[in-house]
Protein backbone atom coordinates (compact mmCIF):
# COMPACT_ATOMS: atom_id res chain seq x y z
CA UNK A 1 -70.42 -15.40 -0.52
CA UNK A 2 -66.60 -15.77 -0.72
CA UNK A 3 -65.13 -18.31 2.16
CA UNK A 4 -61.42 -17.56 2.18
CA UNK A 5 -58.95 -20.54 2.18
CA UNK A 6 -56.35 -21.16 4.47
CA UNK A 7 -52.93 -20.25 3.98
CA UNK A 8 -50.75 -22.23 5.72
CA UNK A 9 -48.06 -20.00 7.68
CA UNK A 10 -45.23 -21.87 6.10
CA UNK A 11 -45.74 -20.96 2.46
CA UNK A 12 -46.25 -17.11 3.21
CA UNK A 13 -43.11 -17.19 6.20
CA UNK A 14 -40.07 -15.71 4.57
CA UNK A 15 -37.04 -18.00 4.19
CA UNK A 16 -35.46 -17.59 7.79
CA UNK A 17 -32.60 -20.07 7.52
CA UNK A 18 -30.58 -17.93 4.79
CA UNK A 19 -31.83 -14.58 5.89
CA UNK A 20 -30.35 -15.40 9.02
CA UNK A 21 -26.96 -16.63 7.87
CA UNK A 22 -26.38 -13.63 5.22
CA UNK A 23 -26.98 -11.44 8.21
CA UNK A 24 -24.98 -12.92 10.54
CA UNK A 25 -22.30 -13.04 8.31
CA UNK A 26 -22.53 -9.53 7.24
CA UNK A 27 -22.99 -8.75 11.03
CA UNK A 28 -19.61 -10.92 11.55
CA UNK A 29 -17.71 -8.67 8.94
CA UNK A 30 -18.84 -5.45 10.36
CA UNK A 31 -17.47 -6.59 13.96
CA UNK A 32 -14.19 -7.69 12.33
CA UNK A 33 -13.92 -4.44 10.36
CA UNK A 34 -14.72 -2.59 13.94
CA UNK A 35 -12.49 -4.11 16.23
CA UNK A 36 -9.41 -4.26 14.15
CA UNK A 37 -10.02 -0.81 12.30
CA UNK A 38 -8.90 -2.63 9.20
CA UNK A 39 -5.48 -4.26 10.37
CA UNK A 40 -3.53 -5.59 8.09
CA UNK A 41 -4.44 -2.97 5.15
CA UNK A 42 -1.70 -0.48 5.09
CA UNK A 43 -1.26 2.13 2.78
CA UNK A 44 2.10 2.33 1.18
CA UNK A 45 3.25 5.46 -0.47
CA UNK A 46 5.18 5.14 -3.41
CA UNK A 47 8.86 6.52 -3.77
CA UNK A 48 7.73 8.40 -7.49
CA UNK A 49 4.81 8.33 -9.85
CA UNK A 50 4.66 5.37 -12.36
CA UNK A 51 6.20 7.54 -15.00
CA UNK A 52 9.28 8.21 -13.02
CA UNK A 53 11.86 6.85 -11.32
CA UNK A 54 14.09 7.67 -8.41
CA UNK A 55 17.73 9.67 -8.71
CA UNK A 56 19.53 9.65 -5.44
CA UNK A 57 22.01 12.56 -4.98
CA UNK A 58 25.76 11.75 -5.37
CA UNK A 59 27.26 12.48 -2.01
CA UNK A 60 24.05 12.76 -0.19
CA UNK A 61 20.99 11.26 0.66
CA UNK A 62 18.58 13.36 -0.90
CA UNK A 63 16.63 12.35 -3.96
CA UNK A 64 14.55 12.93 -6.83
CA UNK A 65 12.07 11.48 -9.20
CA UNK A 66 12.94 12.43 -12.66
CA UNK A 67 10.61 11.54 -15.93
CA UNK A 68 11.27 7.85 -17.28
CA UNK A 69 12.49 9.93 -20.64
CA UNK A 70 15.05 11.36 -18.92
CA UNK A 71 18.80 11.21 -17.81
CA UNK A 72 19.06 12.23 -14.03
CA UNK A 73 20.74 16.04 -13.48
CA UNK A 74 23.80 16.66 -12.72
CA UNK A 75 24.87 15.88 -9.31
CA UNK A 76 22.20 12.81 -9.37
CA UNK A 77 22.30 8.96 -10.29
CA UNK A 78 20.43 6.24 -10.57
CA UNK A 79 20.33 3.73 -7.82
CA UNK A 80 22.05 0.36 -7.92
CA UNK A 81 19.95 -2.22 -9.46
CA UNK A 82 18.11 -4.05 -7.35
CA UNK A 83 18.50 -1.68 -4.44
CA UNK A 84 15.61 0.91 -5.65
CA UNK A 85 13.37 2.02 -2.89
CA UNK A 86 10.13 1.57 -4.51
CA UNK A 87 7.59 2.93 -1.29
CA UNK A 88 8.15 5.52 1.40
CA UNK A 89 9.98 3.18 4.38
CA UNK A 90 10.34 0.43 2.55
CA UNK A 91 13.96 -1.90 2.90
CA UNK A 92 15.53 0.28 0.45
CA UNK A 93 14.21 3.82 1.40
CA UNK A 94 15.47 3.12 4.77
CA UNK A 95 19.04 1.70 3.61
CA UNK A 96 19.67 5.21 1.65
CA UNK A 97 18.80 7.13 4.57
CA UNK A 98 22.50 5.93 5.81
CA UNK A 99 24.31 5.27 2.48
CA UNK A 100 24.94 6.99 -0.58
CA UNK A 101 27.23 6.94 -3.32
CA UNK A 102 30.02 8.63 -3.95
CA UNK A 103 31.65 10.40 -7.08
CA UNK A 104 33.32 7.06 -7.95
CA UNK A 105 29.84 5.36 -7.86
CA UNK A 106 30.64 3.29 -4.65
CA UNK A 107 28.16 2.76 -2.05
CA UNK A 108 29.06 4.38 1.15
CA UNK A 109 28.15 5.27 4.75
CA UNK A 110 26.87 8.96 5.13
CA UNK A 111 28.34 10.42 8.04
CA UNK A 112 26.61 11.75 11.11
CA UNK A 113 25.10 15.07 10.94
CA UNK A 114 26.42 17.16 13.48
């Protein structure tokens, strides 16, 4: 006749300390994301693709993206150094909504729209 060995509960019980800590951390992270709606993680759209640069319309506020291997077409110029918009609605994108370059390359205010 076989007599089963007595097995202690502590030897078969899962390691609840680590499991509870991991579960609590995961639940906390999920709760933070759910409550904040991923606040702080803002998507910013680039003005142009990686192999392009933006060019400004002379006398206007329009712009186009030009291949890095080409010069801007007639009626467009490169933005002044240090004042090139990188993402939609960044500092320089908003600035160039109310400013432009004249035929001499001078920065001027855009007249108010009628």
